[in-house]
Amino acid sequence: MHTTSHQLLKGSLSAIILKLLANTQWMYGYEICQTVKQLTDGQLKVTEGALYTALYKLEADGILITKTQIVEGRARKYYSIAPDQQGNAVNRLTQIEQFLQQLQRILSPDDLIKLPTT
């Protein structure tokens, strides 16, 4: 993945996490990485370092809650959107979707903006 793509993914990671957790109540880190890879046909690969940084920040901000379960003798930490933060998460996702729509309007070759000439 190119550096630019990596930076765009890193900047979008919180939105990706919130969207996945809005659709699946509890997920663990590796599951999130694999889901992103699967949904994008391998085009986006989330590194564990970037993922856990984003997860820890969302948890510290009170947006995510966690639970730990023992699976095959190992502790696995699951993440979910905190019940009192569901509205906040939906609001964040709505803002991102609106931003992407505006960005698409700018980038779309069919809707080229006519810039004033000086």
PDB file of N, CA and C in Angstrom:
ATOM      1  N   MET A   1       0.856  -1.173   0.000  1.00  0.00           N
ATOM      2  CA  MET A   1       0.000   0.000   0.000  1.00  0.00           C
ATOM      3  C   MET A   1       0.899   1.232   0.000  1.00  0.00           C
ATOM      4  N   HIS A   2       0.565   2.198  -0.823  1.00  0.00           N
ATOM      5  CA  HIS A   2       1.344   3.425  -0.910  1.00  0.00           C
ATOM      6  C   HIS A   2       1.208   4.228   0.374  1.00  0.00           C
ATOM      7  N   THR A   3       2.194   5.095   0.620  1.00  0.00           N
ATOM      8  CA  THR A   3       2.193   5.918   1.827  1.00  0.00           C
ATOM      9  C   THR A   3       0.931   6.763   1.906  1.00  0.00           C
ATOM     10  N   THR A   4       0.508   7.344   0.774  1.00  0.00           N
ATOM     11  CA  THR A   4      -0.696   8.176   0.760  1.00  0.00           C
ATOM     12  C   THR A   4      -1.917   7.348   1.138  1.00  0.00           C
ATOM     13  N   SER A   5      -2.048   6.164   0.567  1.00  0.00           N
ATOM     14  CA  SER A   5      -3.182   5.285   0.896  1.00  0.00           C
ATOM     15  C   SER A   5      -3.163   4.911   2.370  1.00  0.00           C
ATOM     16  N   HIS A   6      -1.972   4.631   2.883  1.00  0.00           N
ATOM     17  CA  HIS A   6      -1.826   4.278   4.295  1.00  0.00           C
ATOM     18  C   HIS A   6      -2.277   5.438   5.183  1.00  0.00           C
ATOM     19  N   GLN A   7      -1.899   6.651   4.826  1.00  0.00           N
ATOM     20  CA  GLN A   7      -2.282   7.827   5.613  1.00  0.00           C
ATOM     21  C   GLN A   7      -3.789   8.054   5.547  1.00  0.00           C
ATOM     22  N   LEU A   8      -4.382   7.853   4.373  1.00  0.00           N
ATOM     23  CA  LEU A   8      -5.840   8.007   4.244  1.00  0.00           C
ATOM     24  C   LEU A   8      -6.560   6.965   5.087  1.00  0.00           C
ATOM     25  N   LEU A   9      -6.075   5.731   5.061  1.00  0.00           N
ATOM     26  CA  LEU A   9      -6.677   4.668   5.863  1.00  0.00           C
ATOM     27  C   LEU A   9      -6.560   4.985   7.340  1.00  0.00           C
ATOM     28  N   LYS A  10      -5.379   5.413   7.762  1.00  0.00           N
ATOM     29  CA  LYS A  10      -5.164   5.731   9.175  1.00  0.00           C
ATOM     30  C   LYS A  10      -6.124   6.831   9.634  1.00  0.00           C
ATOM     31  N   GLY A  11      -6.339   7.827   8.788  1.00  0.00           N
ATOM     32  CA  GLY A  11      -7.251   8.914   9.120  1.00  0.00           C
ATOM     33  C   GLY A  11      -8.713   8.504   9.114  1.00  0.00           C
ATOM     34  N   SER A  12      -9.008   7.393   8.463  1.00  0.00           N
ATOM     35  CA  SER A  12     -10.388   6.912   8.361  1.00  0.00           C
ATOM     36  C   SER A  12     -10.686   5.759   9.308  1.00  0.00           C
ATOM     37  N   LEU A  13      -9.700   5.325  10.040  1.00  0.00           N
ATOM     38  CA  LEU A  13      -9.827   4.113  10.834  1.00  0.00           C
ATOM     39  C   LEU A  13     -10.919   4.185  11.899  1.00  0.00           C
ATOM     40  N   SER A  14     -11.057   5.317  12.569  1.00  0.00           N
ATOM     41  CA  SER A  14     -12.111   5.441  13.579  1.00  0.00           C
ATOM     42  C   SER A  14     -13.486   5.255  12.956  1.00  0.00           C
ATOM     43  N   ALA A  15     -13.689   5.830  11.782  1.00  0.00           N
ATOM     44  CA  ALA A  15     -14.972   5.686  11.087  1.00  0.00           C
ATOM     45  C   ALA A  15     -15.220   4.236  10.697  1.00  0.00           C
ATOM     46  N   ILE A  16     -14.183   3.566  10.217  1.00  0.00           N
ATOM     47  CA  ILE A  16     -14.309   2.160   9.835  1.00  0.00           C
ATOM     48  C   ILE A  16     -14.687   1.321  11.044  1.00  0.00           C
ATOM     49  N   ILE A  17     -14.001   1.551  12.158  1.00  0.00           N
ATOM     50  CA  ILE A  17     -14.285   0.802  13.390  1.00  0.00           C
ATOM     51  C   ILE A  17     -15.726   1.039  13.832  1.00  0.00           C
ATOM     52  N   LEU A  18     -16.146   2.292  13.871  1.00  0.00           N
ATOM     53  CA  LEU A  18     -17.508   2.606  14.321  1.00  0.00           C
ATOM     54  C   LEU A  18     -18.549   1.976  13.404  1.00  0.00           C
ATOM     55  N   LYS A  19     -18.316   2.011  12.107  1.00  0.00           N
ATOM     56  CA  LYS A  19     -19.273   1.422  11.162  1.00  0.00           C
ATOM     57  C   LYS A  19     -19.377  -0.088  11.361  1.00  0.00           C
ATOM     58  N   LEU A  20     -18.228  -0.749  11.506  1.00  0.00           N
ATOM     59  CA  LEU A  20     -18.259  -2.203  11.710  1.00  0.00           C
ATOM     60  C   LEU A  20     -18.950  -2.557  13.015  1.00  0.00           C
ATOM     61  N   LEU A  21     -18.663  -1.804  14.074  1.00  0.00           N
ATOM     62  CA  LEU A  21     -19.281  -2.099  15.368  1.00  0.00           C
ATOM     63  C   LEU A  21     -20.758  -1.729  15.402  1.00  0.00           C
ATOM     64  N   ALA A  22     -21.162  -0.782  14.579  1.00  0.00           N
ATOM     65  CA  ALA A  22     -22.587  -0.439  14.497  1.00  0.00           C
ATOM     66  C   ALA A  22     -23.363  -1.593  13.861  1.00  0.00           C
ATOM     67  N   ASN A  23     -22.698  -2.359  13.000  1.00  0.00           N
ATOM     68  CA  ASN A  23     -23.353  -3.477  12.310  1.00  0.00           C
ATOM     69  C   ASN A  23     -23.177  -4.803  13.041  1.00  0.00           C
ATOM     70  N   THR A  24     -22.113  -4.925  13.829  1.00  0.00           N
ATOM     71  CA  THR A  24     -21.818  -6.151  14.579  1.00  0.00           C
ATOM     72  C   THR A  24     -21.488  -5.715  15.994  1.00  0.00           C
ATOM     73  N   GLN A  25     -22.296  -6.072  16.948  1.00  0.00           N
ATOM     74  CA  GLN A  25     -22.185  -5.486  18.272  1.00  0.00           C
ATOM     75  C   GLN A  25     -20.812  -5.637  18.913  1.00  0.00           C
ATOM     76  N   TRP A  26     -20.209  -6.818  18.891  1.00  0.00           N
ATOM     77  CA  TRP A  26     -18.908  -7.038  19.535  1.00  0.00           C
ATOM     78  C   TRP A  26     -17.935  -7.613  18.514  1.00  0.00           C
ATOM     79  N   MET A  27     -16.727  -7.032  18.466  1.00  0.00           N
ATOM     80  CA  MET A  27     -15.674  -7.544  17.589  1.00  0.00           C
ATOM     81  C   MET A  27     -14.339  -7.428  18.312  1.00  0.00           C
ATOM     82  N   TYR A  28     -13.408  -8.306  17.971  1.00  0.00           N
ATOM     83  CA  TYR A  28     -12.059  -8.202  18.511  1.00  0.00           C
ATOM     84  C   TYR A  28     -11.134  -7.709  17.395  1.00  0.00           C
ATOM     85  N   GLY A  29      -9.947  -7.260  17.768  1.00  0.00           N
ATOM     86  CA  GLY A  29      -9.054  -6.582  16.850  1.00  0.00           C
ATOM     87  C   GLY A  29      -8.751  -7.340  15.569  1.00  0.00           C
ATOM     88  N   TYR A  30      -8.314  -8.577  15.691  1.00  0.00           N
ATOM     89  CA  TYR A  30      -7.974  -9.359  14.505  1.00  0.00           C
ATOM     90  C   TYR A  30      -9.188  -9.514  13.600  1.00  0.00           C
ATOM     91  N   GLU A  31     -10.350  -9.668  14.198  1.00  0.00           N
ATOM     92  CA  GLU A  31     -11.592  -9.801  13.432  1.00  0.00           C
ATOM     93  C   GLU A  31     -11.865  -8.525  12.630  1.00  0.00           C
ATOM     94  N   ILE A  32     -11.603  -7.370  13.233  1.00  0.00           N
ATOM     95  CA  ILE A  32     -11.781  -6.098  12.532  1.00  0.00           C
ATOM     96  C   ILE A  32     -10.825  -6.033  11.338  1.00  0.00           C
ATOM     97  N   CYS A  33      -9.556  -6.367  11.554  1.00  0.00           N
ATOM     98  CA  CYS A  33      -8.570  -6.360  10.462  1.00  0.00           C
ATOM     99  C   CYS A  33      -9.012  -7.265   9.309  1.00  0.00           C
ATOM    100  N   GLN A  34      -9.439  -8.468   9.638  1.00  0.00           N
ATOM    101  CA  GLN A  34      -9.844  -9.426   8.611  1.00  0.00           C
ATOM    102  C   GLN A  34     -11.125  -8.996   7.895  1.00  0.00           C
ATOM    103  N   THR A  35     -12.039  -8.380   8.614  1.00  0.00           N
ATOM    104  CA  THR A  35     -13.283  -7.914   8.001  1.00  0.00           C
ATOM    105  C   THR A  35     -13.006  -6.801   6.993  1.00  0.00           C
ATOM    106  N   VAL A  36     -12.139  -5.859   7.357  1.00  0.00           N
ATOM    107  CA  VAL A  36     -11.771  -4.780   6.431  1.00  0.00           C
ATOM    108  C   VAL A  36     -11.115  -5.373   5.188  1.00  0.00           C
ATOM    109  N   LYS A  37     -10.210  -6.291   5.393  1.00  0.00           N
ATOM    110  CA  LYS A  37      -9.522  -6.937   4.265  1.00  0.00           C
ATOM    111  C   LYS A  37     -10.521  -7.646   3.356  1.00  0.00           C
ATOM    112  N   GLN A  38     -11.466  -8.371   3.962  1.00  0.00           N
ATOM    113  CA  GLN A  38     -12.462  -9.117   3.191  1.00  0.00           C
ATOM    114  C   GLN A  38     -13.405  -8.175   2.447  1.00  0.00           C
ATOM    115  N   LEU A  39     -13.902  -7.142   3.129  1.00  0.00           N
ATOM    116  CA  LEU A  39     -14.849  -6.211   2.502  1.00  0.00           C
ATOM    117  C   LEU A  39     -14.237  -5.411   1.356  1.00  0.00           C
ATOM    118  N   THR A  40     -12.909  -5.250   1.374  1.00  0.00           N
ATOM    119  CA  THR A  40     -12.234  -4.463   0.339  1.00  0.00           C
ATOM    120  C   THR A  40     -11.456  -5.353  -0.630  1.00  0.00           C
ATOM    121  N   ASP A  41     -11.757  -6.640  -0.638  1.00  0.00           N
ATOM    122  CA  ASP A  41     -11.057  -7.593  -1.506  1.00  0.00           C
ATOM    123  C   ASP A  41      -9.542  -7.467  -1.376  1.00  0.00           C
ATOM    124  N   GLY A  42      -9.088  -7.241  -0.161  1.00  0.00           N
ATOM    125  CA  GLY A  42      -7.663  -7.171   0.116  1.00  0.00           C
ATOM    126  C   GLY A  42      -7.006  -5.851  -0.242  1.00  0.00           C
ATOM    127  N   GLN A  43      -7.780  -4.887  -0.710  1.00  0.00           N
ATOM    128  CA  GLN A  43      -7.204  -3.601  -1.108  1.00  0.00           C
ATOM    129  C   GLN A  43      -6.788  -2.751   0.085  1.00  0.00           C
ATOM    130  N   LEU A  44      -7.510  -2.867   1.195  1.00  0.00           N
ATOM    131  CA  LEU A  44      -7.154  -2.153   2.416  1.00  0.00           C
ATOM    132  C   LEU A  44      -6.727  -3.170   3.457  1.00  0.00           C
ATOM    133  N   LYS A  45      -5.551  -2.944   3.997  1.00  0.00           N
ATOM    134  CA  LYS A  45      -5.034  -3.825   5.041  1.00  0.00           C
ATOM    135  C   LYS A  45      -4.725  -2.970   6.250  1.00  0.00           C
ATOM    136  N   VAL A  46      -5.414  -3.245   7.331  1.00  0.00           N
ATOM    137  CA  VAL A  46      -5.241  -2.495   8.573  1.00  0.00           C
ATOM    138  C   VAL A  46      -4.148  -3.168   9.384  1.00  0.00           C
ATOM    139  N   THR A  47      -3.122  -2.409   9.743  1.00  0.00           N
ATOM    140  CA  THR A  47      -2.077  -2.975  10.593  1.00  0.00           C
ATOM    141  C   THR A  47      -2.576  -2.995  12.035  1.00  0.00           C
ATOM    142  N   GLU A  48      -2.087  -3.952  12.784  1.00  0.00           N
ATOM    143  CA  GLU A  48      -2.510  -4.052  14.182  1.00  0.00           C
ATOM    144  C   GLU A  48      -2.110  -2.821  14.971  1.00  0.00           C
ATOM    145  N   GLY A  49      -0.928  -2.270  14.688  1.00  0.00           N
ATOM    146  CA  GLY A  49      -0.476  -1.075  15.396  1.00  0.00           C
ATOM    147  C   GLY A  49      -1.433   0.097  15.207  1.00  0.00           C
ATOM    148  N   ALA A  50      -1.834   0.352  13.966  1.00  0.00           N
ATOM    149  CA  ALA A  50      -2.765   1.449  13.690  1.00  0.00           C
ATOM    150  C   ALA A  50      -4.139   1.154  14.287  1.00  0.00           C
ATOM    151  N   LEU A  51      -4.576  -0.094  14.168  1.00  0.00           N
ATOM    152  CA  LEU A  51      -5.895  -0.463  14.677  1.00  0.00           C
ATOM    153  C   LEU A  51      -5.979  -0.277  16.189  1.00  0.00           C
ATOM    154  N   TYR A  52      -5.015  -0.826  16.903  1.00  0.00           N
ATOM    155  CA  TYR A  52      -5.095  -0.755  18.367  1.00  0.00           C
ATOM    156  C   TYR A  52      -4.923   0.667  18.872  1.00  0.00           C
ATOM    157  N   THR A  53      -4.157   1.484  18.169  1.00  0.00           N
ATOM    158  CA  THR A  53      -4.055   2.900  18.536  1.00  0.00           C
ATOM    159  C   THR A  53      -5.425   3.558  18.435  1.00  0.00           C
ATOM    160  N   ALA A  54      -6.139   3.294  17.350  1.00  0.00           N
ATOM    161  CA  ALA A  54      -7.475   3.865  17.160  1.00  0.00           C
ATOM    162  C   ALA A  54      -8.467   3.305  18.180  1.00  0.00           C
ATOM    163  N   LEU A  55      -8.404   1.993  18.430  1.00  0.00           N
ATOM    164  CA  LEU A  55      -9.307   1.385  19.410  1.00  0.00           C
ATOM    165  C   LEU A  55      -9.086   1.965  20.805  1.00  0.00           C
ATOM    166  N   TYR A  56      -7.820   2.107  21.207  1.00  0.00           N
ATOM    167  CA  TYR A  56      -7.513   2.640  22.538  1.00  0.00           C
ATOM    168  C   TYR A  56      -7.985   4.082  22.667  1.00  0.00           C
ATOM    169  N   LYS A  57      -7.854   4.867  21.587  1.00  0.00           N
ATOM    170  CA  LYS A  57      -8.307   6.254  21.636  1.00  0.00           C
ATOM    171  C   LYS A  57      -9.829   6.319  21.769  1.00  0.00           C
ATOM    172  N   LEU A  58     -10.544   5.521  20.995  1.00  0.00           N
ATOM    173  CA  LEU A  58     -12.010   5.491  21.094  1.00  0.00           C
ATOM    174  C   LEU A  58     -12.455   5.012  22.473  1.00  0.00           C
ATOM    175  N   GLU A  59     -11.717   4.074  23.045  1.00  0.00           N
ATOM    176  CA  GLU A  59     -12.030   3.598  24.395  1.00  0.00           C
ATOM    177  C   GLU A  59     -11.759   4.700  25.421  1.00  0.00           C
ATOM    178  N   ALA A  60     -10.620   5.375  25.287  1.00  0.00           N
ATOM    179  CA  ALA A  60     -10.272   6.463  26.216  1.00  0.00           C
ATOM    180  C   ALA A  60     -11.269   7.610  26.121  1.00  0.00           C
ATOM    181  N   ASP A  61     -11.827   7.829  24.927  1.00  0.00           N
ATOM    182  CA  ASP A  61     -12.831   8.882  24.732  1.00  0.00           C
ATOM    183  C   ASP A  61     -14.210   8.470  25.250  1.00  0.00           C
ATOM    184  N   GLY A  62     -14.328   7.215  25.703  1.00  0.00           N
ATOM    185  CA  GLY A  62     -15.597   6.736  26.250  1.00  0.00           C
ATOM    186  C   GLY A  62     -16.584   6.270  25.199  1.00  0.00           C
ATOM    187  N   ILE A  63     -16.146   6.178  23.949  1.00  0.00           N
ATOM    188  CA  ILE A  63     -17.051   5.773  22.874  1.00  0.00           C
ATOM    189  C   ILE A  63     -17.167   4.255  22.800  1.00  0.00           C
ATOM    190  N   LEU A  64     -16.086   3.566  23.116  1.00  0.00           N
ATOM    191  CA  LEU A  64     -16.103   2.106  23.097  1.00  0.00           C
ATOM    192  C   LEU A  64     -15.994   1.539  24.501  1.00  0.00           C
ATOM    193  N   ILE A  65     -16.609   0.388  24.674  1.00  0.00           N
ATOM    194  CA  ILE A  65     -16.449  -0.389  25.897  1.00  0.00           C
ATOM    195  C   ILE A  65     -15.813  -1.720  25.491  1.00  0.00           C
ATOM    196  N   THR A  66     -15.277  -2.425  26.472  1.00  0.00           N
ATOM    197  CA  THR A  66     -14.618  -3.691  26.179  1.00  0.00           C
ATOM    198  C   THR A  66     -15.087  -4.783  27.131  1.00  0.00           C
ATOM    199  N   LYS A  67     -14.870  -5.993  26.693  1.00  0.00           N
ATOM    200  CA  LYS A  67     -15.029  -7.162  27.558  1.00  0.00           C
ATOM    201  C   LYS A  67     -13.970  -8.163  27.126  1.00  0.00           C
ATOM    202  N   THR A  68     -13.523  -8.951  28.067  1.00  0.00           N
ATOM    203  CA  THR A  68     -12.490  -9.942  27.780  1.00  0.00           C
ATOM    204  C   THR A  68     -13.075 -11.330  27.977  1.00  0.00           C
ATOM    205  N   GLN A  69     -12.806 -12.192  27.020  1.00  0.00           N
ATOM    206  CA  GLN A  69     -13.234 -13.583  27.104  1.00  0.00           C
ATOM    207  C   GLN A  69     -12.030 -14.472  26.847  1.00  0.00           C
ATOM    208  N   ILE A  70     -12.032 -15.620  27.465  1.00  0.00           N
ATOM    209  CA  ILE A  70     -10.984 -16.608  27.237  1.00  0.00           C
ATOM    210  C   ILE A  70     -11.436 -17.491  26.081  1.00  0.00           C
ATOM    211  N   VAL A  71     -10.637 -17.512  25.013  1.00  0.00           N
ATOM    212  CA  VAL A  71     -10.940 -18.314  23.830  1.00  0.00           C
ATOM    213  C   VAL A  71      -9.716 -19.182  23.550  1.00  0.00           C
ATOM    214  N   GLU A  72      -9.910 -20.489  23.568  1.00  0.00           N
ATOM    215  CA  GLU A  72      -8.825 -21.448  23.346  1.00  0.00           C
ATOM    216  C   GLU A  72      -7.632 -21.162  24.255  1.00  0.00           C
ATOM    217  N   GLY A  73      -7.938 -20.841  25.513  1.00  0.00           N
ATOM    218  CA  GLY A  73      -6.912 -20.633  26.520  1.00  0.00           C
ATOM    219  C   GLY A  73      -6.241 -19.267  26.492  1.00  0.00           C
ATOM    220  N   ARG A  74      -6.692 -18.383  25.611  1.00  0.00           N
ATOM    221  CA  ARG A  74      -6.093 -17.049  25.504  1.00  0.00           C
ATOM    222  C   ARG A  74      -7.161 -15.991  25.739  1.00  0.00           C
ATOM    223  N   ALA A  75      -6.741 -14.891  26.360  1.00  0.00           N
ATOM    224  CA  ALA A  75      -7.660 -13.775  26.592  1.00  0.00           C
ATOM    225  C   ALA A  75      -7.855 -13.022  25.282  1.00  0.00           C
ATOM    226  N   ARG A  76      -9.112 -12.744  24.950  1.00  0.00           N
ATOM    227  CA  ARG A  76      -9.441 -11.994  23.745  1.00  0.00           C
ATOM    228  C   ARG A  76     -10.294 -10.797  24.163  1.00  0.00           C
ATOM    229  N   LYS A  77      -9.873  -9.620  23.775  1.00  0.00           N
ATOM    230  CA  LYS A  77     -10.565  -8.386  24.124  1.00  0.00           C
ATOM    231  C   LYS A  77     -11.524  -8.005  22.999  1.00  0.00           C
ATOM    232  N   TYR A  78     -12.789  -7.885  23.359  1.00  0.00           N
ATOM    233  CA  TYR A  78     -13.834  -7.497  22.416  1.00  0.00           C
ATOM    234  C   TYR A  78     -14.214  -6.036  22.641  1.00  0.00           C
ATOM    235  N   TYR A  79     -14.576  -5.371  21.551  1.00  0.00           N
ATOM    236  CA  TYR A  79     -14.954  -3.955  21.594  1.00  0.00           C
ATOM    237  C   TYR A  79     -16.383  -3.787  21.110  1.00  0.00           C
ATOM    238  N   SER A  80     -17.070  -2.805  21.693  1.00  0.00           N
ATOM    239  CA  SER A  80     -18.427  -2.464  21.306  1.00  0.00           C
ATOM    240  C   SER A  80     -18.635  -0.974  21.539  1.00  0.00           C
ATOM    241  N   ILE A  81     -19.604  -0.406  20.853  1.00  0.00           N
ATOM    242  CA  ILE A  81     -19.948   0.994  21.095  1.00  0.00           C
ATOM    243  C   ILE A  81     -20.700   1.057  22.424  1.00  0.00           C
ATOM    244  N   ALA A  82     -20.275   1.958  23.285  1.00  0.00           N
ATOM    245  CA  ALA A  82     -20.928   2.112  24.593  1.00  0.00           C
ATOM    246  C   ALA A  82     -22.404   2.471  24.360  1.00  0.00           C
ATOM    247  N   PRO A  83     -23.298   1.864  25.147  1.00  0.00           N
ATOM    248  CA  PRO A  83     -24.727   2.132  24.950  1.00  0.00           C
ATOM    249  C   PRO A  83     -25.083   3.617  24.953  1.00  0.00           C
ATOM    250  N   ASP A  84     -24.452   4.392  25.823  1.00  0.00           N
ATOM    251  CA  ASP A  84     -24.773   5.815  25.878  1.00  0.00           C
ATOM    252  C   ASP A  84     -24.068   6.624  24.784  1.00  0.00           C
ATOM    253  N   GLN A  85     -23.288   5.953  23.934  1.00  0.00           N
ATOM    254  CA  GLN A  85     -22.574   6.633  22.851  1.00  0.00           C
ATOM    255  C   GLN A  85     -23.092   6.254  21.462  1.00  0.00           C
ATOM    256  N   GLN A  86     -24.172   5.480  21.422  1.00  0.00           N
ATOM    257  CA  GLN A  86     -24.727   5.069  20.129  1.00  0.00           C
ATOM    258  C   GLN A  86     -25.069   6.285  19.266  1.00  0.00           C
ATOM    259  N   GLY A  87     -25.719   7.267  19.856  1.00  0.00           N
ATOM    260  CA  GLY A  87     -26.085   8.478  19.121  1.00  0.00           C
ATOM    261  C   GLY A  87     -24.860   9.236  18.648  1.00  0.00           C
ATOM    262  N   ASN A  88     -23.848   9.324  19.485  1.00  0.00           N
ATOM    263  CA  ASN A  88     -22.596   9.984  19.126  1.00  0.00           C
ATOM    264  C   ASN A  88     -21.941   9.268  17.952  1.00  0.00           C
ATOM    265  N   ALA A  89     -21.926   7.953  17.988  1.00  0.00           N
ATOM    266  CA  ALA A  89     -21.323   7.175  16.903  1.00  0.00           C
ATOM    267  C   ALA A  89     -22.086   7.392  15.598  1.00  0.00           C
ATOM    268  N   VAL A  90     -23.402   7.366  15.665  1.00  0.00           N
ATOM    269  CA  VAL A  90     -24.223   7.607  14.469  1.00  0.00           C
ATOM    270  C   VAL A  90     -23.959   9.004  13.925  1.00  0.00           C
ATOM    271  N   ASN A  91     -23.849   9.986  14.822  1.00  0.00           N
ATOM    272  CA  ASN A  91     -23.571  11.358  14.409  1.00  0.00           C
ATOM    273  C   ASN A  91     -22.217  11.458  13.711  1.00  0.00           C
ATOM    274  N   ARG A  92     -21.210  10.817  14.266  1.00  0.00           N
ATOM    275  CA  ARG A  92     -19.874  10.828  13.643  1.00  0.00           C
ATOM    276  C   ARG A  92     -19.919  10.204  12.258  1.00  0.00           C
ATOM    277  N   LEU A  93     -20.608   9.079  12.146  1.00  0.00           N
ATOM    278  CA  LEU A  93     -20.704   8.410  10.847  1.00  0.00           C
ATOM    279  C   LEU A  93     -21.469   9.259   9.838  1.00  0.00           C
ATOM    280  N   THR A  94     -22.508   9.928  10.274  1.00  0.00           N
ATOM    281  CA  THR A  94     -23.277  10.809   9.389  1.00  0.00           C
ATOM    282  C   THR A  94     -22.400  11.952   8.891  1.00  0.00           C
ATOM    283  N   GLN A  95     -21.621  12.546   9.786  1.00  0.00           N
ATOM    284  CA  GLN A  95     -20.719  13.627   9.388  1.00  0.00           C
ATOM    285  C   GLN A  95     -19.695  13.139   8.366  1.00  0.00           C
ATOM    286  N   ILE A  96     -19.175  11.951   8.558  1.00  0.00           N
ATOM    287  CA  ILE A  96     -18.187  11.407   7.626  1.00  0.00           C
ATOM    288  C   ILE A  96     -18.833  11.120   6.277  1.00  0.00           C
ATOM    289  N   GLU A  97     -20.040  10.554   6.283  1.00  0.00           N
ATOM    290  CA  GLU A  97     -20.744  10.284   5.032  1.00  0.00           C
ATOM    291  C   GLU A  97     -21.020  11.577   4.273  1.00  0.00           C
ATOM    292  N   GLN A  98     -21.419  12.632   4.982  1.00  0.00           N
ATOM    293  CA  GLN A  98     -21.654  13.923   4.334  1.00  0.00           C
ATOM    294  C   GLN A  98     -20.357  14.487   3.752  1.00  0.00           C
ATOM    295  N   PHE A  99     -19.268  14.359   4.505  1.00  0.00           N
ATOM    296  CA  PHE A  99     -17.977  14.820   4.012  1.00  0.00           C
ATOM    297  C   PHE A  99     -17.583  14.066   2.745  1.00  0.00           C
ATOM    298  N   LEU A 100     -17.763  12.740   2.731  1.00  0.00           N
ATOM    299  CA  LEU A 100     -17.415  11.938   1.566  1.00  0.00           C
ATOM    300  C   LEU A 100     -18.262  12.319   0.355  1.00  0.00           C
ATOM    301  N   GLN A 101     -19.533  12.623   0.589  1.00  0.00           N
ATOM    302  CA  GLN A 101     -20.398  13.071  -0.503  1.00  0.00           C
ATOM    303  C   GLN A 101     -19.882  14.370  -1.105  1.00  0.00           C
ATOM    304  N   GLN A 102     -19.471  15.297  -0.260  1.00  0.00           N
ATOM    305  CA  GLN A 102     -18.933  16.569  -0.745  1.00  0.00           C
ATOM    306  C   GLN A 102     -17.602  16.360  -1.458  1.00  0.00           C
ATOM    307  N   LEU A 103     -16.768  15.487  -0.925  1.00  0.00           N
ATOM    308  CA  LEU A 103     -15.496  15.183  -1.560  1.00  0.00           C
ATOM    309  C   LEU A 103     -15.731  14.556  -2.931  1.00  0.00           C
ATOM    310  N   GLN A 104     -16.699  13.658  -3.009  1.00  0.00           N
ATOM    311  CA  GLN A 104     -17.025  13.018  -4.285  1.00  0.00           C
ATOM    312  C   GLN A 104     -17.514  14.050  -5.304  1.00  0.00           C
ATOM    313  N   ARG A 105     -18.256  15.036  -4.844  1.00  0.00           N
ATOM    314  CA  ARG A 105     -18.718  16.093  -5.752  1.00  0.00           C
ATOM    315  C   ARG A 105     -17.533  16.838  -6.358  1.00  0.00           C
ATOM    316  N   ILE A 106     -16.503  17.042  -5.561  1.00  0.00           N
ATOM    317  CA  ILE A 106     -15.316  17.750  -6.039  1.00  0.00           C
ATOM    318  C   ILE A 106     -14.503  16.863  -6.980  1.00  0.00           C
ATOM    319  N   LEU A 107     -14.386  15.593  -6.648  1.00  0.00           N
ATOM    320  CA  LEU A 107     -13.533  14.688  -7.407  1.00  0.00           C
ATOM    321  C   LEU A 107     -14.203  14.086  -8.635  1.00  0.00           C
ATOM    322  N   SER A 108     -15.517  14.103  -8.695  1.00  0.00           N
ATOM    323  CA  SER A 108     -16.249  13.483  -9.791  1.00  0.00           C
ATOM    324  C   SER A 108     -16.014  14.229 -11.098  1.00  0.00           C
ATOM    325  N   PRO A 109     -15.594  13.509 -12.136  1.00  0.00           N
ATOM    326  CA  PRO A 109     -15.353  14.176 -13.417  1.00  0.00           C
ATOM    327  C   PRO A 109     -16.644  14.696 -14.071  1.00  0.00           C
ATOM    328  N   ASP A 110     -17.784  14.128 -13.705  1.00  0.00           N
ATOM    329  CA  ASP A 110     -19.059  14.562 -14.269  1.00  0.00           C
ATOM    330  C   ASP A 110     -19.523  15.885 -13.702  1.00  0.00           C
ATOM    331  N   ASP A 111     -19.074  16.199 -12.523  1.00  0.00           N
ATOM    332  CA  ASP A 111     -19.536  17.408 -11.849  1.00  0.00           C
ATOM    333  C   ASP A 111     -18.382  18.386 -11.619  1.00  0.00           C
ATOM    334  N   LEU A 112     -17.536  18.535 -12.624  1.00  0.00           N
ATOM    335  CA  LEU A 112     -16.392  19.425 -12.457  1.00  0.00           C
ATOM    336  C   LEU A 112     -16.859  20.822 -12.103  1.00  0.00           C
ATOM    337  N   ILE A 113     -16.231  21.360 -11.125  1.00  0.00           N
ATOM    338  CA  ILE A 113     -16.570  22.705 -10.679  1.00  0.00           C
ATOM    339  C   ILE A 113     -15.903  23.704 -11.613  1.00  0.00           C
ATOM    340  N   LYS A 114     -16.674  24.644 -12.063  1.00  0.00           N
ATOM    341  CA  LYS A 114     -16.117  25.715 -12.891  1.00  0.00           C
ATOM    342  C   LYS A 114     -15.538  26.773 -11.968  1.00  0.00           C
ATOM    343  N   LEU A 115     -14.222  26.845 -11.932  1.00  0.00           N
ATOM    344  CA  LEU A 115     -13.563  27.829 -11.078  1.00  0.00           C
ATOM    345  C   LEU A 115     -13.535  29.174 -11.813  1.00  0.00           C
ATOM    346  N   PRO A 116     -13.741  30.239 -11.047  1.00  0.00           N
ATOM    347  CA  PRO A 116     -13.694  31.566 -11.678  1.00  0.00           C
ATOM    348  C   PRO A 116     -12.279  31.852 -12.179  1.00  0.00           C
ATOM    349  N   THR A 117     -12.211  32.451 -13.329  1.00  0.00           N
ATOM    350  CA  THR A 117     -10.921  32.825 -13.869  1.00  0.00           C
ATOM    351  C   THR A 117     -10.585  34.235 -13.418  1.00  0.00           C
ATOM    352  N   THR A 118      -9.309  34.449 -13.215  1.00  0.00           N
ATOM    353  CA  THR A 118      -8.886  35.794 -12.764  1.00  0.00           C
ATOM    354  C   THR A 118      -8.226  36.560 -13.853  1.00  0.00           C
TER     355      THR A 118
END
